[in-house]
């Protein structure tokens, strides 16, 4: 796909490969390992690195994550049709006469991830999760309303992480692909997420396998923008909340109504007479109000098997928080 699209629920999920910055290989150097045989099948070249004294994380990991995301989205190139029972939709491009405000999406998600260090500097993994989302669409014209819809669903994907040691700092670069599906979408939505982080670890005295880590960085989301679906009109509009008066005010304020204005006015007017039996079919492009986000995070490695971490993203109109637990092992 050439376009990039916002996941209605993200989130976001959102975007899970950024949470793979677990133990990164630069835990330090242990001269007592020099010449010893590496006990695990991965990573490739792990035996050589271990023999030279480099401390490597255990090659396999299972991670559980919980993430909350809230961010603004922008809707563009909107086409729709109001369809009564038994009719076929004929979507009409109404983007020239419909005005959207800033819409928002909130997502609460949990997922499980598995990964493996294929090389001492390269980790690959896959994940599966469930989410609940709340999307608020702010429509300014022809009806002034905030339509809210709730959904839940699943997402799945894979990612890779590359870590390069730069003195006491480790540079981590990650990329992920995920697909999300819910009851409001005609097909799964693709989300690509890239991130870069500068990571520093501080060992705990007298505890060779324990350390505290911290990082700062940035994240960028690439989103496949085309979305289509359908929703029952009665689920997104309150007929007693002044919808018909909003419609009349909008139409009367137009000095020279076009055929497109007349079409939309008549469609909505007819639909308001039978809200419960009208389905709205739609298709539009959506994008994040802000693609970039700044992130800060921290980790406590209890031992070579267990790590706990958290990360926060923050910019006006774009917030997220993550909590994570990771268990590592080897074969």
C-alpha atoms as a PDB file:
ATOM      1  CA  UNK A   1       0.000   0.000   0.000  1.00  0.00           C
ATOM      2  CA  UNK A   2       1.321   3.437  -0.874  1.00  0.00           C
ATOM      3  CA  UNK A   3      -0.757   5.465   1.564  1.00  0.00           C
ATOM      4  CA  UNK A   4      -0.397   5.261   5.328  1.00  0.00           C
ATOM      5  CA  UNK A   5      -3.348   5.079   7.601  1.00  0.00           C
ATOM      6  CA  UNK A   6      -4.489   5.809  11.124  1.00  0.00           C
ATOM      7  CA  UNK A   7      -5.717   2.900  13.070  1.00  0.00           C
ATOM      8  CA  UNK A   8      -9.098   3.948  14.476  1.00  0.00           C
ATOM      9  CA  UNK A   9      -8.200   2.320  17.597  1.00  0.00           C
ATOM     10  CA  UNK A  10      -4.634   2.304  17.391  1.00  0.00           C
ATOM     11  CA  UNK A  11      -3.524   2.238  18.336  1.00  0.00           C
ATOM     12  CA  UNK A  12      -2.363   1.467  18.769  1.00  0.00           C
ATOM     13  CA  UNK A  13      -2.162   0.786  18.912  1.00  0.00           C
ATOM     14  CA  UNK A  14      -0.530   1.388  18.305  1.00  0.00           C
ATOM     15  CA  UNK A  15       2.578   0.775  17.522  1.00  0.00           C
ATOM     16  CA  UNK A  16       4.011  -1.834  19.661  1.00  0.00           C
ATOM     17  CA  UNK A  17       7.564  -2.410  18.539  1.00  0.00           C
ATOM     18  CA  UNK A  18       8.697   0.604  20.528  1.00  0.00           C
ATOM     19  CA  UNK A  19       8.096  -1.493  23.621  1.00  0.00           C
ATOM     20  CA  UNK A  20      10.701  -4.050  22.572  1.00  0.00           C
ATOM     21  CA  UNK A  21      13.624  -2.113  24.087  1.00  0.00           C
ATOM     22  CA  UNK A  22      14.046  -4.706  26.765  1.00  0.00           C
ATOM     23  CA  UNK A  23      17.516  -5.714  27.777  1.00  0.00           C
ATOM     24  CA  UNK A  24      19.436  -4.532  24.712  1.00  0.00           C
ATOM     25  CA  UNK A  25      22.759  -6.239  24.339  1.00  0.00           C
ATOM     26  CA  UNK A  26      24.922  -3.544  25.879  1.00  0.00           C
ATOM     27  CA  UNK A  27      24.421  -4.695  29.449  1.00  0.00           C
ATOM     28  CA  UNK A  28      28.138  -4.461  29.843  1.00  0.00           C
ATOM     29  CA  UNK A  29      31.342  -6.418  29.525  1.00  0.00           C
ATOM     30  CA  UNK A  30      32.307  -9.332  31.759  1.00  0.00           C
ATOM     31  CA  UNK A  31      35.915 -10.442  31.505  1.00  0.00           C
ATOM     32  CA  UNK A  32      35.081 -13.646  33.402  1.00  0.00           C
ATOM     33  CA  UNK A  33      33.191 -14.844  30.310  1.00  0.00           C
ATOM     34  CA  UNK A  34      36.199 -14.594  28.014  1.00  0.00           C
ATOM     35  CA  UNK A  35      36.862 -17.949  26.369  1.00  0.00           C
ATOM     36  CA  UNK A  36      33.693 -19.564  27.683  1.00  0.00           C
ATOM     37  CA  UNK A  37      31.227 -21.335  25.394  1.00  0.00           C
ATOM     38  CA  UNK A  38      27.885 -19.638  24.802  1.00  0.00           C
ATOM     39  CA  UNK A  39      25.066 -21.963  25.976  1.00  0.00           C
ATOM     40  CA  UNK A  40      22.193 -20.941  23.620  1.00  0.00           C
ATOM     41  CA  UNK A  41      21.349 -21.521  19.945  1.00  0.00           C
ATOM     42  CA  UNK A  42      20.705 -17.796  19.294  1.00  0.00           C
ATOM     43  CA  UNK A  43      21.812 -15.232  18.445  1.00  0.00           C
ATOM     44  CA  UNK A  44      23.926 -16.043  15.431  1.00  0.00           C
ATOM     45  CA  UNK A  45      27.481 -14.929  16.254  1.00  0.00           C
ATOM     46  CA  UNK A  46      26.527 -15.093  19.919  1.00  0.00           C
ATOM     47  CA  UNK A  47      29.254 -17.618  20.638  1.00  0.00           C
ATOM     48  CA  UNK A  48      31.937 -15.253  19.344  1.00  0.00           C
ATOM     49  CA  UNK A  49      30.578 -12.238  21.233  1.00  0.00           C
ATOM     50  CA  UNK A  50      30.250 -14.251  24.445  1.00  0.00           C
ATOM     51  CA  UNK A  51      33.772 -15.658  24.107  1.00  0.00           C
ATOM     52  CA  UNK A  52      35.091 -12.100  23.922  1.00  0.00           C
ATOM     53  CA  UNK A  53      33.354 -11.200  27.174  1.00  0.00           C
ATOM     54  CA  UNK A  54      30.203  -9.396  25.980  1.00  0.00           C
ATOM     55  CA  UNK A  55      27.123  -9.909  28.168  1.00  0.00           C
ATOM     56  CA  UNK A  56      24.137 -10.777  26.016  1.00  0.00           C
ATOM     57  CA  UNK A  57      20.469 -10.870  26.997  1.00  0.00           C
ATOM     58  CA  UNK A  58      18.829 -14.264  26.940  1.00  0.00           C
ATOM     59  CA  UNK A  59      17.786 -14.806  23.333  1.00  0.00           C
ATOM     60  CA  UNK A  60      14.027 -15.366  23.650  1.00  0.00           C
ATOM     61  CA  UNK A  61      11.425 -13.190  25.324  1.00  0.00           C
ATOM     62  CA  UNK A  62       7.729 -13.134  26.210  1.00  0.00           C
ATOM     63  CA  UNK A  63       6.320  -9.701  26.931  1.00  0.00           C
ATOM     64  CA  UNK A  64       2.943  -8.509  28.264  1.00  0.00           C
ATOM     65  CA  UNK A  65       2.008  -4.867  27.599  1.00  0.00           C
ATOM     66  CA  UNK A  66      -0.814  -2.551  28.599  1.00  0.00           C
ATOM     67  CA  UNK A  67      -1.124   0.721  26.685  1.00  0.00           C
ATOM     68  CA  UNK A  68      -3.405   3.756  26.813  1.00  0.00           C
ATOM     69  CA  UNK A  69      -3.397   6.197  23.891  1.00  0.00           C
ATOM     70  CA  UNK A  70      -5.249   9.453  23.257  1.00  0.00           C
ATOM     71  CA  UNK A  71      -4.655  11.528  20.138  1.00  0.00           C
ATOM     72  CA  UNK A  72      -6.286  13.833  17.621  1.00  0.00           C
ATOM     73  CA  UNK A  73      -7.116  12.721  14.091  1.00  0.00           C
ATOM     74  CA  UNK A  74      -8.130  14.661  10.977  1.00  0.00           C
ATOM     75  CA  UNK A  75     -10.700  13.401   8.427  1.00  0.00           C
ATOM     76  CA  UNK A  76     -10.444  14.340   4.737  1.00  0.00           C
ATOM     77  CA  UNK A  77     -11.890  13.416   1.286  1.00  0.00           C
ATOM     78  CA  UNK A  78     -15.188  12.311   2.788  1.00  0.00           C
ATOM     79  CA  UNK A  79     -17.790  10.390   0.752  1.00  0.00           C
ATOM     80  CA  UNK A  80     -21.007   8.972   2.143  1.00  0.00           C
ATOM     81  CA  UNK A  81     -24.582   7.833   1.543  1.00  0.00           C
ATOM     82  CA  UNK A  82     -27.646   7.475   3.759  1.00  0.00           C
ATOM     83  CA  UNK A  83     -29.309   4.174   2.900  1.00  0.00           C
ATOM     84  CA  UNK A  84     -32.695   2.827   3.981  1.00  0.00           C
ATOM     85  CA  UNK A  85     -33.307  -0.881   4.481  1.00  0.00           C
ATOM     86  CA  UNK A  86     -33.053  -2.850   1.234  1.00  0.00           C
ATOM     87  CA  UNK A  87     -31.259  -0.127  -0.755  1.00  0.00           C
ATOM     88  CA  UNK A  88     -27.746  -0.234  -2.196  1.00  0.00           C
ATOM     89  CA  UNK A  89     -25.302   2.562  -1.268  1.00  0.00           C
ATOM     90  CA  UNK A  90     -24.005   5.033  -3.855  1.00  0.00           C
ATOM     91  CA  UNK A  91     -21.250   7.014  -2.176  1.00  0.00           C
ATOM     92  CA  UNK A  92     -20.945  10.672  -3.176  1.00  0.00           C
ATOM     93  CA  UNK A  93     -17.880  12.846  -2.486  1.00  0.00           C
ATOM     94  CA  UNK A  94     -19.087  15.539  -0.067  1.00  0.00           C
ATOM     95  CA  UNK A  95     -15.708  16.827   1.085  1.00  0.00           C
ATOM     96  CA  UNK A  96     -16.259  20.238  -0.554  1.00  0.00           C
ATOM     97  CA  UNK A  97     -19.345  21.017   1.585  1.00  0.00           C
ATOM     98  CA  UNK A  98     -18.707  19.093   4.812  1.00  0.00           C
ATOM     99  CA  UNK A  99     -16.490  20.574   7.509  1.00  0.00           C
ATOM    100  CA  UNK A 100     -14.896  18.481  10.225  1.00  0.00           C
ATOM    101  CA  UNK A 101     -13.329  19.757  13.384  1.00  0.00           C
ATOM    102  CA  UNK A 102     -10.572  17.940  15.238  1.00  0.00           C
ATOM    103  CA  UNK A 103     -11.657  14.415  16.035  1.00  0.00           C
ATOM    104  CA  UNK A 104     -10.182  12.244  18.782  1.00  0.00           C
ATOM    105  CA  UNK A 105      -9.541   8.595  19.500  1.00  0.00           C
ATOM    106  CA  UNK A 106      -8.863   6.910  22.838  1.00  0.00           C
ATOM    107  CA  UNK A 107      -7.579   3.347  22.960  1.00  0.00           C
ATOM    108  CA  UNK A 108      -6.956   0.962  25.830  1.00  0.00           C
ATOM    109  CA  UNK A 109      -5.135  -2.159  24.743  1.00  0.00           C
ATOM    110  CA  UNK A 110      -3.318  -5.216  26.046  1.00  0.00           C
ATOM    111  CA  UNK A 111      -1.062  -7.475  24.032  1.00  0.00           C
ATOM    112  CA  UNK A 112       1.432 -10.310  24.235  1.00  0.00           C
ATOM    113  CA  UNK A 113       4.672 -10.298  22.283  1.00  0.00           C
ATOM    114  CA  UNK A 114       7.364 -12.872  21.587  1.00  0.00           C
ATOM    115  CA  UNK A 115      10.798 -12.031  20.231  1.00  0.00           C
ATOM    116  CA  UNK A 116      14.223 -13.509  19.531  1.00  0.00           C
ATOM    117  CA  UNK A 117      17.667 -11.984  19.124  1.00  0.00           C
ATOM    118  CA  UNK A 118      18.654 -13.306  15.679  1.00  0.00           C
ATOM    119  CA  UNK A 119      21.982 -11.464  15.766  1.00  0.00           C
ATOM    120  CA  UNK A 120      23.664  -9.800  18.760  1.00  0.00           C
ATOM    121  CA  UNK A 121      22.346  -6.442  17.460  1.00  0.00           C
ATOM    122  CA  UNK A 122      19.045  -7.550  15.797  1.00  0.00           C
ATOM    123  CA  UNK A 123      15.809  -8.691  17.454  1.00  0.00           C
ATOM    124  CA  UNK A 124      12.675  -9.756  15.573  1.00  0.00           C
ATOM    125  CA  UNK A 125       9.269 -10.462  17.074  1.00  0.00           C
ATOM    126  CA  UNK A 126       5.555 -10.782  16.626  1.00  0.00           C
ATOM    127  CA  UNK A 127       2.563  -9.787  18.746  1.00  0.00           C
ATOM    128  CA  UNK A 128      -1.177 -10.153  19.177  1.00  0.00           C
ATOM    129  CA  UNK A 129      -3.498  -7.958  21.212  1.00  0.00           C
ATOM    130  CA  UNK A 130      -7.036  -6.856  21.995  1.00  0.00           C
ATOM    131  CA  UNK A 131      -8.312  -3.310  22.372  1.00  0.00           C
ATOM    132  CA  UNK A 132     -11.251  -1.125  23.302  1.00  0.00           C
ATOM    133  CA  UNK A 133     -11.541   2.265  21.614  1.00  0.00           C
ATOM    134  CA  UNK A 134     -13.677   5.388  21.801  1.00  0.00           C
ATOM    135  CA  UNK A 135     -13.697   7.601  18.707  1.00  0.00           C
ATOM    136  CA  UNK A 136     -15.262  11.078  18.732  1.00  0.00           C
ATOM    137  CA  UNK A 137     -15.926  12.629  15.320  1.00  0.00           C
ATOM    138  CA  UNK A 138     -16.414  16.396  15.442  1.00  0.00           C
ATOM    139  CA  UNK A 139     -18.694  17.536  12.583  1.00  0.00           C
ATOM    140  CA  UNK A 140     -19.108  21.282  12.074  1.00  0.00           C
ATOM    141  CA  UNK A 141     -21.300  21.393   8.930  1.00  0.00           C
ATOM    142  CA  UNK A 142     -24.038  20.616   7.924  1.00  0.00           C
ATOM    143  CA  UNK A 143     -24.831  19.259  11.395  1.00  0.00           C
ATOM    144  CA  UNK A 144     -22.892  20.421  14.424  1.00  0.00           C
ATOM    145  CA  UNK A 145     -22.377  17.341  16.507  1.00  0.00           C
ATOM    146  CA  UNK A 146     -19.834  15.124  18.190  1.00  0.00           C
ATOM    147  CA  UNK A 147     -20.624  11.598  17.125  1.00  0.00           C
ATOM    148  CA  UNK A 148     -19.112   9.019  19.444  1.00  0.00           C
ATOM    149  CA  UNK A 149     -18.626   5.369  18.670  1.00  0.00           C
ATOM    150  CA  UNK A 150     -17.131   2.557  20.742  1.00  0.00           C
ATOM    151  CA  UNK A 151     -15.584  -0.591  19.390  1.00  0.00           C
ATOM    152  CA  UNK A 152     -13.374  -3.465  20.362  1.00  0.00           C
ATOM    153  CA  UNK A 153     -11.296  -5.787  18.279  1.00  0.00           C
ATOM    154  CA  UNK A 154      -7.923  -7.402  17.715  1.00  0.00           C
ATOM    155  CA  UNK A 155      -4.608  -6.544  16.111  1.00  0.00           C
ATOM    156  CA  UNK A 156      -1.513  -8.476  15.141  1.00  0.00           C
ATOM    157  CA  UNK A 157       1.858  -7.704  13.625  1.00  0.00           C
ATOM    158  CA  UNK A 158       5.616  -8.103  13.653  1.00  0.00           C
ATOM    159  CA  UNK A 159       8.618  -5.871  14.216  1.00  0.00           C
ATOM    160  CA  UNK A 160      12.388  -5.635  14.372  1.00  0.00           C
ATOM    161  CA  UNK A 161      14.796  -3.781  16.638  1.00  0.00           C
ATOM    162  CA  UNK A 162      18.418  -2.875  15.885  1.00  0.00           C
ATOM    163  CA  UNK A 163      20.690  -1.745  18.720  1.00  0.00           C
ATOM    164  CA  UNK A 164      24.125  -0.161  18.248  1.00  0.00           C
ATOM    165  CA  UNK A 165      26.391   0.636  21.225  1.00  0.00           C
ATOM    166  CA  UNK A 166      27.874   4.156  21.103  1.00  0.00           C
ATOM    167  CA  UNK A 167      30.118   4.271  24.132  1.00  0.00           C
ATOM    168  CA  UNK A 168      27.959   4.365  27.296  1.00  0.00           C
ATOM    169  CA  UNK A 169      24.848   5.055  25.173  1.00  0.00           C
ATOM    170  CA  UNK A 170      22.978   2.496  23.083  1.00  0.00           C
ATOM    171  CA  UNK A 171      21.111   3.669  20.000  1.00  0.00           C
ATOM    172  CA  UNK A 172      17.934   1.665  19.336  1.00  0.00           C
ATOM    173  CA  UNK A 173      16.008   1.825  16.058  1.00  0.00           C
ATOM    174  CA  UNK A 174      12.751  -0.110  15.644  1.00  0.00           C
ATOM    175  CA  UNK A 175      10.097  -0.613  12.984  1.00  0.00           C
ATOM    176  CA  UNK A 176       6.781  -2.439  13.163  1.00  0.00           C
ATOM    177  CA  UNK A 177       3.892  -3.432  10.920  1.00  0.00           C
ATOM    178  CA  UNK A 178       0.489  -4.188  12.419  1.00  0.00           C
ATOM    179  CA  UNK A 179      -3.036  -4.843  11.195  1.00  0.00           C
ATOM    180  CA  UNK A 180      -6.142  -4.079  13.212  1.00  0.00           C
ATOM    181  CA  UNK A 181      -9.735  -5.144  12.733  1.00  0.00           C
ATOM    182  CA  UNK A 182     -12.975  -4.237  14.486  1.00  0.00           C
ATOM    183  CA  UNK A 183     -16.709  -4.272  13.962  1.00  0.00           C
ATOM    184  CA  UNK A 184     -16.752  -0.808  12.323  1.00  0.00           C
ATOM    185  CA  UNK A 185     -14.241  -1.552   9.549  1.00  0.00           C
ATOM    186  CA  UNK A 186     -14.706  -3.321   6.220  1.00  0.00           C
ATOM    187  CA  UNK A 187     -11.108  -4.584   6.213  1.00  0.00           C
ATOM    188  CA  UNK A 188      -8.097  -4.562   8.555  1.00  0.00           C
ATOM    189  CA  UNK A 189      -6.166  -1.315   8.865  1.00  0.00           C
ATOM    190  CA  UNK A 190      -2.388  -1.206   8.394  1.00  0.00           C
ATOM    191  CA  UNK A 191      -0.227   0.846  10.761  1.00  0.00           C
ATOM    192  CA  UNK A 192       3.549   1.279  10.442  1.00  0.00           C
ATOM    193  CA  UNK A 193       5.544   2.694  13.336  1.00  0.00           C
ATOM    194  CA  UNK A 194       9.202   3.733  13.441  1.00  0.00           C
ATOM    195  CA  UNK A 195      11.153   4.840  16.490  1.00  0.00           C
ATOM    196  CA  UNK A 196      14.613   5.878  17.572  1.00  0.00           C
ATOM    197  CA  UNK A 197      15.848   5.977  21.165  1.00  0.00           C
ATOM    198  CA  UNK A 198      19.047   6.766  23.038  1.00  0.00           C
ATOM    199  CA  UNK A 199      19.362   4.300  25.939  1.00  0.00           C
ATOM    200  CA  UNK A 200      21.585   4.362  29.024  1.00  0.00           C
ATOM    201  CA  UNK A 201      21.878   1.572  31.610  1.00  0.00           C
ATOM    202  CA  UNK A 202      23.261   1.897  35.154  1.00  0.00           C
ATOM    203  CA  UNK A 203      24.336  -1.329  36.919  1.00  0.00           C
ATOM    204  CA  UNK A 204      23.416  -1.939  40.558  1.00  0.00           C
ATOM    205  CA  UNK A 205      26.398  -2.439  42.828  1.00  0.00           C
ATOM    206  CA  UNK A 206      26.964  -6.024  43.987  1.00  0.00           C
ATOM    207  CA  UNK A 207      24.154  -7.253  41.700  1.00  0.00           C
ATOM    208  CA  UNK A 208      25.822  -8.111  38.376  1.00  0.00           C
ATOM    209  CA  UNK A 209      22.594  -8.930  36.511  1.00  0.00           C
ATOM    210  CA  UNK A 210      20.514  -6.011  37.809  1.00  0.00           C
ATOM    211  CA  UNK A 211      20.423  -2.529  36.292  1.00  0.00           C
ATOM    212  CA  UNK A 212      18.264   0.557  35.881  1.00  0.00           C
ATOM    213  CA  UNK A 213      17.801   1.858  32.356  1.00  0.00           C
ATOM    214  CA  UNK A 214      16.368   5.052  30.865  1.00  0.00           C
ATOM    215  CA  UNK A 215      15.845   6.369  27.351  1.00  0.00           C
ATOM    216  CA  UNK A 216      14.630   9.356  25.360  1.00  0.00           C
ATOM    217  CA  UNK A 217      13.632   9.383  21.736  1.00  0.00           C
ATOM    218  CA  UNK A 218      11.056  10.016  19.056  1.00  0.00           C
ATOM    219  CA  UNK A 219       8.398   7.980  17.304  1.00  0.00           C
ATOM    220  CA  UNK A 220       6.819   8.423  13.883  1.00  0.00           C
ATOM    221  CA  UNK A 221       3.654   6.715  12.656  1.00  0.00           C
ATOM    222  CA  UNK A 222       3.030   5.901   8.987  1.00  0.00           C
ATOM    223  CA  UNK A 223      -0.639   5.265   8.336  1.00  0.00           C
ATOM    224  CA  UNK A 224      -2.586   3.705   5.465  1.00  0.00           C
ATOM    225  CA  UNK A 225      -5.164   6.444   5.085  1.00  0.00           C
ATOM    226  CA  UNK A 226      -8.235   5.027   3.307  1.00  0.00           C
ATOM    227  CA  UNK A 227     -11.062   3.883   5.579  1.00  0.00           C
ATOM    228  CA  UNK A 228     -14.549   2.674   4.734  1.00  0.00           C
ATOM    229  CA  UNK A 229     -17.385   1.226   6.736  1.00  0.00           C
ATOM    230  CA  UNK A 230     -20.965   1.644   7.840  1.00  0.00           C
ATOM    231  CA  UNK A 231     -22.838   2.644  10.972  1.00  0.00           C
ATOM    232  CA  UNK A 232     -26.488   2.848  11.964  1.00  0.00           C
ATOM    233  CA  UNK A 233     -27.563   6.509  12.027  1.00  0.00           C
ATOM    234  CA  UNK A 234     -29.406   6.033  15.305  1.00  0.00           C
ATOM    235  CA  UNK A 235     -26.119   5.051  16.977  1.00  0.00           C
ATOM    236  CA  UNK A 236     -24.330   8.327  16.187  1.00  0.00           C
ATOM    237  CA  UNK A 237     -27.013  11.038  16.227  1.00  0.00           C
ATOM    238  CA  UNK A 238     -29.547  12.213  18.794  1.00  0.00           C
ATOM    239  CA  UNK A 239     -32.745  13.099  16.950  1.00  0.00           C
ATOM    240  CA  UNK A 240     -33.935  15.070  19.977  1.00  0.00           C
ATOM    241  CA  UNK A 241     -30.695  17.043  20.226  1.00  0.00           C
ATOM    242  CA  UNK A 242     -31.463  19.656  17.555  1.00  0.00           C
ATOM    243  CA  UNK A 243     -30.143  17.804  14.509  1.00  0.00           C
ATOM    244  CA  UNK A 244     -32.953  18.968  12.221  1.00  0.00           C
ATOM    245  CA  UNK A 245     -32.574  22.593  13.315  1.00  0.00           C
ATOM    246  CA  UNK A 246     -28.807  22.387  12.682  1.00  0.00           C
ATOM    247  CA  UNK A 247     -29.587  21.102   9.190  1.00  0.00           C
ATOM    248  CA  UNK A 248     -32.007  23.962   8.504  1.00  0.00           C
ATOM    249  CA  UNK A 249     -29.583  26.579   9.848  1.00  0.00           C
ATOM    250  CA  UNK A 250     -26.786  25.235   7.660  1.00  0.00           C
ATOM    251  CA  UNK A 251     -28.875  25.184   4.495  1.00  0.00           C
ATOM    252  CA  UNK A 252     -30.441  28.614   5.035  1.00  0.00           C
ATOM    253  CA  UNK A 253     -26.999  30.173   5.544  1.00  0.00           C
ATOM    254  CA  UNK A 254     -25.865  29.097   2.050  1.00  0.00           C
ATOM    255  CA  UNK A 255     -26.245  32.061  -0.320  1.00  0.00           C
ATOM    256  CA  UNK A 256     -26.236  30.042  -3.535  1.00  0.00           C
ATOM    257  CA  UNK A 257     -26.865  26.323  -2.841  1.00  0.00           C
ATOM    258  CA  UNK A 258     -25.383  23.940  -5.383  1.00  0.00           C
ATOM    259  CA  UNK A 259     -26.858  20.642  -6.503  1.00  0.00           C
ATOM    260  CA  UNK A 260     -24.512  18.956  -4.009  1.00  0.00           C
ATOM    261  CA  UNK A 261     -25.934  21.062  -1.164  1.00  0.00           C
ATOM    262  CA  UNK A 262     -29.452  20.141  -2.256  1.00  0.00           C
ATOM    263  CA  UNK A 263     -28.533  16.459  -2.461  1.00  0.00           C
ATOM    264  CA  UNK A 264     -27.086  16.365   1.033  1.00  0.00           C
ATOM    265  CA  UNK A 265     -29.924  18.405   2.533  1.00  0.00           C
ATOM    266  CA  UNK A 266     -32.575  16.088   1.073  1.00  0.00           C
ATOM    267  CA  UNK A 267     -30.687  12.938   2.060  1.00  0.00           C
ATOM    268  CA  UNK A 268     -30.306  14.012   5.676  1.00  0.00           C
ATOM    269  CA  UNK A 269     -33.847  15.382   5.888  1.00  0.00           C
ATOM    270  CA  UNK A 270     -35.295  12.070   4.697  1.00  0.00           C
ATOM    271  CA  UNK A 271     -33.007  10.070   6.998  1.00  0.00           C
ATOM    272  CA  UNK A 272     -34.063  12.060  10.065  1.00  0.00           C
ATOM    273  CA  UNK A 273     -37.622  10.784   9.492  1.00  0.00           C
ATOM    274  CA  UNK A 274     -36.436   7.185   9.876  1.00  0.00           C
ATOM    275  CA  UNK A 275     -33.260   7.302  11.954  1.00  0.00           C
ATOM    276  CA  UNK A 276     -33.485   3.773  13.334  1.00  0.00           C
ATOM    277  CA  UNK A 277     -33.722   2.164   9.882  1.00  0.00           C
ATOM    278  CA  UNK A 278     -31.064   4.263   8.135  1.00  0.00           C
ATOM    279  CA  UNK A 279     -27.473   3.120   7.667  1.00  0.00           C
ATOM    280  CA  UNK A 280     -24.680   5.573   6.881  1.00  0.00           C
ATOM    281  CA  UNK A 281     -22.061   4.206   4.492  1.00  0.00           C
ATOM    282  CA  UNK A 282     -18.830   6.180   4.433  1.00  0.00           C
ATOM    283  CA  UNK A 283     -15.351   6.355   2.986  1.00  0.00           C
ATOM    284  CA  UNK A 284     -12.645   8.845   3.884  1.00  0.00           C
ATOM    285  CA  UNK A 285      -8.962   9.490   4.412  1.00  0.00           C
ATOM    286  CA  UNK A 286      -7.735   9.996   7.921  1.00  0.00           C
ATOM    287  CA  UNK A 287      -4.440  11.128   9.318  1.00  0.00           C
ATOM    288  CA  UNK A 288      -2.894  11.936  12.632  1.00  0.00           C
ATOM    289  CA  UNK A 289      -2.934  15.575  13.581  1.00  0.00           C
ATOM    290  CA  UNK A 290       0.684  14.982  14.651  1.00  0.00           C
ATOM    291  CA  UNK A 291       2.762  12.151  13.219  1.00  0.00           C
ATOM    292  CA  UNK A 292       5.707  12.685  15.548  1.00  0.00           C
ATOM    293  CA  UNK A 293       5.746  12.047  19.256  1.00  0.00           C
ATOM    294  CA  UNK A 294       8.442  12.474  21.891  1.00  0.00           C
ATOM    295  CA  UNK A 295       8.975   9.518  24.228  1.00  0.00           C
ATOM    296  CA  UNK A 296      10.733   8.923  27.535  1.00  0.00           C
ATOM    297  CA  UNK A 297      10.972   5.600  29.313  1.00  0.00           C
ATOM    298  CA  UNK A 298      12.628   3.573  31.997  1.00  0.00           C
ATOM    299  CA  UNK A 299      13.359  -0.040  32.887  1.00  0.00           C
ATOM    300  CA  UNK A 300      14.283  -2.075  35.907  1.00  0.00           C
ATOM    301  CA  UNK A 301      16.036  -5.328  35.106  1.00  0.00           C
ATOM    302  CA  UNK A 302      15.569  -7.484  38.174  1.00  0.00           C
ATOM    303  CA  UNK A 303      17.730 -10.299  36.799  1.00  0.00           C
ATOM    304  CA  UNK A 304      18.510 -11.836  33.425  1.00  0.00           C
ATOM    305  CA  UNK A 305      15.004 -13.345  33.283  1.00  0.00           C
ATOM    306  CA  UNK A 306      12.689 -10.538  34.471  1.00  0.00           C
ATOM    307  CA  UNK A 307      12.353  -6.878  33.470  1.00  0.00           C
ATOM    308  CA  UNK A 308       9.727  -4.216  34.160  1.00  0.00           C
ATOM    309  CA  UNK A 309       9.453  -1.069  32.052  1.00  0.00           C
ATOM    310  CA  UNK A 310       7.295   1.945  31.312  1.00  0.00           C
ATOM    311  CA  UNK A 311       7.198   4.554  28.559  1.00  0.00           C
ATOM    312  CA  UNK A 312       5.278   7.786  27.984  1.00  0.00           C
ATOM    313  CA  UNK A 313       4.699   9.785  24.817  1.00  0.00           C
ATOM    314  CA  UNK A 314       3.729  13.413  25.047  1.00  0.00           C
ATOM    315  CA  UNK A 315       2.896  16.246  22.684  1.00  0.00           C
ATOM    316  CA  UNK A 316      -0.202  18.496  22.730  1.00  0.00           C
ATOM    317  CA  UNK A 317      -3.042  16.411  21.301  1.00  0.00           C
ATOM    318  CA  UNK A 318      -1.010  13.189  21.379  1.00  0.00           C
ATOM    319  CA  UNK A 319      -0.472  11.211  24.586  1.00  0.00           C
ATOM    320  CA  UNK A 320       0.293   7.608  25.473  1.00  0.00           C
ATOM    321  CA  UNK A 321       1.460   5.555  28.449  1.00  0.00           C
ATOM    322  CA  UNK A 322       2.739   1.987  28.506  1.00  0.00           C
ATOM    323  CA  UNK A 323       3.426  -0.537  31.276  1.00  0.00           C
ATOM    324  CA  UNK A 324       5.228  -3.763  30.466  1.00  0.00           C
ATOM    325  CA  UNK A 325       6.630  -6.946  31.967  1.00  0.00           C
ATOM    326  CA  UNK A 326       9.145  -9.145  30.169  1.00  0.00           C
ATOM    327  CA  UNK A 327      10.422 -12.687  30.759  1.00  0.00           C
ATOM    328  CA  UNK A 328      13.524 -13.878  28.901  1.00  0.00           C
ATOM    329  CA  UNK A 329      14.853 -17.403  28.459  1.00  0.00           C
ATOM    330  CA  UNK A 330      17.132 -19.462  26.248  1.00  0.00           C
ATOM    331  CA  UNK A 331      17.402 -22.858  24.595  1.00  0.00           C
END
